[in-house]
């Protein structure tokens, strides 16, 4: 009986190890410098963190273009983009999808903001959100607010695609008033 229990526990541990994603990189803490990046957007144009110096920036990482949660989140940012612009904040979405996939996603849903193609996962890794599922890598659904001085002002580890945009917008307003 004891051997069967140990065998079952060993099998469960193996399943958990295979099913669980591996994380890569440490997540930068609030107050630390935002990790630099240089990536292409959905139009093939290059962007880096220095482009946003002196401005507030909301960076949202998401797993995959054109999937239900990712589409909901992207469309919510789209529907609120004028509110972000009104307070002087930029929005950038990031996934490990390629430039062409981003172009199709942005065109299909008329997304008026930058989608960065982090094909190699370097940016996701530097922000501590890259997940390795053995056969594929994805960016975890997490977001960051980067202050005008280039530091992380806020990190969202748990993101609800339905309500996240409003949460980021309200937090940006609060951060701008306090800083």
Protein backbone atom coordinates (compact mmCIF):
# COMPACT_ATOMS: atom_id res chain seq x y z
CA UNK A 1 0.00 0.00 0.00
CA UNK A 2 2.81 2.41 0.94
CA UNK A 3 4.60 1.75 -2.37
CA UNK A 4 1.39 2.52 -4.32
CA UNK A 5 0.96 5.81 -2.47
CA UNK A 6 4.58 6.77 -3.16
CA UNK A 7 4.17 5.81 -6.82
CA UNK A 8 1.03 7.94 -7.12
CA UNK A 9 2.77 10.88 -5.43
CA UNK A 10 5.74 10.52 -7.79
CA UNK A 11 3.44 10.50 -10.82
CA UNK A 12 1.55 13.56 -9.54
CA UNK A 13 4.84 15.39 -8.97
CA UNK A 14 5.96 14.55 -12.50
CA UNK A 15 2.67 15.75 -13.98
CA UNK A 16 2.89 18.99 -11.99
CA UNK A 17 6.47 19.55 -13.16
CA UNK A 18 5.57 19.03 -16.80
CA UNK A 19 2.33 21.02 -16.68
CA UNK A 20 3.63 23.99 -14.69
CA UNK A 21 5.27 26.79 -16.62
CA UNK A 22 8.85 27.73 -15.94
CA UNK A 23 9.45 31.39 -15.29
CA UNK A 24 12.37 33.32 -16.65
CA UNK A 25 13.87 36.42 -15.12
CA UNK A 26 13.08 38.46 -12.04
CA UNK A 27 10.18 40.88 -12.06
CA UNK A 28 11.37 44.46 -11.58
CA UNK A 29 9.99 46.04 -8.42
CA UNK A 30 8.28 49.38 -8.12
CA UNK A 31 10.93 52.11 -7.94
CA UNK A 32 13.50 50.16 -9.97
CA UNK A 33 14.52 51.05 -13.51
CA UNK A 34 12.24 49.62 -16.18
CA UNK A 35 14.16 47.11 -18.30
CA UNK A 36 15.18 48.55 -21.65
CA UNK A 37 13.80 47.11 -24.86
CA UNK A 38 14.12 47.57 -28.61
CA UNK A 39 11.43 45.77 -30.61
CA UNK A 40 9.38 46.13 -33.78
CA UNK A 41 5.71 47.00 -33.72
CA UNK A 42 2.90 45.70 -35.92
CA UNK A 43 4.07 47.97 -38.74
CA UNK A 44 7.72 46.93 -38.56
CA UNK A 45 8.77 50.20 -36.87
CA UNK A 46 11.30 50.00 -34.05
CA UNK A 47 10.54 51.20 -30.52
CA UNK A 48 12.64 51.36 -27.40
CA UNK A 49 12.07 52.48 -23.84
CA UNK A 50 13.96 55.73 -24.44
CA UNK A 51 11.21 56.77 -26.90
CA UNK A 52 8.89 57.15 -23.91
CA UNK A 53 11.25 59.07 -21.61
CA UNK A 54 9.36 61.97 -20.02
CA UNK A 55 5.99 60.27 -20.56
CA UNK A 56 3.81 57.83 -18.64
CA UNK A 57 3.70 54.40 -20.21
CA UNK A 58 1.37 51.45 -19.62
CA UNK A 59 2.96 48.21 -20.82
CA UNK A 60 0.66 45.25 -20.88
CA UNK A 61 1.94 41.76 -21.62
CA UNK A 62 -0.48 39.19 -22.98
CA UNK A 63 -0.20 35.53 -24.04
CA UNK A 64 -1.42 35.36 -27.65
CA UNK A 65 -3.03 37.44 -30.38
CA UNK A 66 -6.66 36.78 -31.25
CA UNK A 67 -7.49 34.61 -28.23
CA UNK A 68 -10.56 35.45 -26.12
CA UNK A 69 -8.94 37.05 -23.05
CA UNK A 70 -6.28 38.82 -25.07
CA UNK A 71 -8.84 40.20 -27.50
CA UNK A 72 -11.03 41.44 -24.64
CA UNK A 73 -8.09 43.19 -23.01
CA UNK A 74 -6.85 44.74 -26.27
CA UNK A 75 -10.32 45.98 -27.22
CA UNK A 76 -10.79 47.50 -23.75
CA UNK A 77 -7.53 49.43 -24.17
CA UNK A 78 -8.72 50.43 -27.67
CA UNK A 79 -12.07 51.62 -26.34
CA UNK A 80 -10.36 53.73 -23.67
CA UNK A 81 -7.41 55.02 -25.70
CA UNK A 82 -8.72 58.59 -25.76
CA UNK A 83 -8.88 58.60 -21.95
CA UNK A 84 -5.22 57.52 -21.86
CA UNK A 85 -4.27 60.17 -24.42
CA UNK A 86 -6.23 62.82 -22.50
CA UNK A 87 -4.00 62.32 -19.46
CA UNK A 88 -0.83 62.06 -21.57
CA UNK A 89 -0.22 58.33 -21.15
CA UNK A 90 0.88 55.82 -23.78
CA UNK A 91 -0.24 52.20 -24.10
CA UNK A 92 1.95 49.42 -25.46
CA UNK A 93 0.92 45.77 -25.77
CA UNK A 94 3.56 43.02 -25.86
CA UNK A 95 3.42 39.33 -26.73
CA UNK A 96 5.83 36.82 -28.23
CA UNK A 97 3.82 36.77 -31.47
CA UNK A 98 5.55 37.99 -34.63
CA UNK A 99 5.12 41.29 -36.49
CA UNK A 100 2.71 39.85 -39.08
CA UNK A 101 0.49 38.30 -36.40
CA UNK A 102 0.42 41.67 -34.59
CA UNK A 103 -0.48 43.45 -37.84
CA UNK A 104 -3.39 41.08 -38.47
CA UNK A 105 -4.58 41.37 -34.85
CA UNK A 106 -4.33 45.19 -34.86
CA UNK A 107 -6.10 45.46 -38.24
CA UNK A 108 -8.87 43.02 -37.31
CA UNK A 109 -9.74 44.88 -34.09
CA UNK A 110 -8.66 48.38 -35.20
CA UNK A 111 -6.16 48.71 -32.35
CA UNK A 112 -4.81 52.29 -32.29
CA UNK A 113 -1.75 51.62 -30.13
CA UNK A 114 1.61 49.90 -30.42
CA UNK A 115 1.89 46.11 -30.25
CA UNK A 116 5.48 45.02 -29.79
CA UNK A 117 6.62 41.72 -31.29
CA UNK A 118 8.81 40.08 -28.66
CA UNK A 119 9.46 36.98 -30.79
CA UNK A 120 12.51 35.85 -28.84
CA UNK A 121 10.89 36.59 -25.48
CA UNK A 122 13.75 38.87 -24.37
CA UNK A 123 11.51 41.71 -23.19
CA UNK A 124 9.11 39.35 -21.44
CA UNK A 125 12.06 37.68 -19.75
CA UNK A 126 13.56 40.99 -18.63
CA UNK A 127 10.20 41.92 -17.06
CA UNK A 128 9.91 38.49 -15.43
CA UNK A 129 6.74 37.48 -17.28
CA UNK A 130 8.04 34.91 -19.78
CA UNK A 131 6.52 31.48 -19.25
CA UNK A 132 8.01 28.38 -20.83
CA UNK A 133 5.41 25.66 -21.43
CA UNK A 134 7.96 23.16 -22.79
CA UNK A 135 6.72 23.33 -26.38
CA UNK A 136 6.11 27.07 -26.54
CA UNK A 137 6.79 30.29 -24.70
CA UNK A 138 4.22 32.95 -23.85
CA UNK A 139 4.14 36.19 -21.92
CA UNK A 140 2.05 36.00 -18.77
CA UNK A 141 -0.87 38.43 -18.57
CA UNK A 142 0.78 41.11 -16.42
CA UNK A 143 1.21 44.86 -16.75
CA UNK A 144 3.50 47.65 -15.67
CA UNK A 145 3.20 51.39 -15.40
CA UNK A 146 6.46 53.12 -16.22
CA UNK A 147 6.91 56.65 -14.84
CA UNK A 148 8.36 59.48 -16.95
CA UNK A 149 11.76 58.98 -15.26
CA UNK A 150 11.92 55.39 -16.59
CA UNK A 151 11.19 53.63 -13.31
CA UNK A 152 8.50 51.06 -12.60
CA UNK A 153 5.65 52.88 -10.83
CA UNK A 154 3.32 49.88 -10.54
CA UNK A 155 3.22 46.18 -11.40
CA UNK A 156 0.00 44.24 -11.93
CA UNK A 157 0.63 40.56 -11.34
CA UNK A 158 -3.01 39.49 -11.51
CA UNK A 159 -4.94 40.92 -14.44
CA UNK A 160 -8.62 40.54 -15.28
CA UNK A 161 -9.02 41.35 -19.00
CA UNK A 162 -12.53 42.69 -18.39
CA UNK A 163 -11.58 45.33 -15.81
CA UNK A 164 -7.83 45.88 -16.14
CA UNK A 165 -7.94 48.87 -18.47
CA UNK A 166 -10.04 50.90 -16.04
CA UNK A 167 -7.76 49.87 -13.16
CA UNK A 168 -4.67 51.07 -15.04
CA UNK A 169 -6.36 54.31 -16.05
CA UNK A 170 -7.43 55.11 -12.46
CA UNK A 171 -3.98 54.22 -11.10
CA UNK A 172 -2.30 56.41 -13.70
CA UNK A 173 -4.47 59.36 -12.67
CA UNK A 174 -3.59 58.77 -9.00
CA UNK A 175 0.14 58.39 -9.74
CA UNK A 176 0.16 61.56 -11.84
CA UNK A 177 -1.49 63.54 -9.07
CA UNK A 178 0.89 62.27 -6.40
CA UNK A 179 4.05 62.63 -8.42
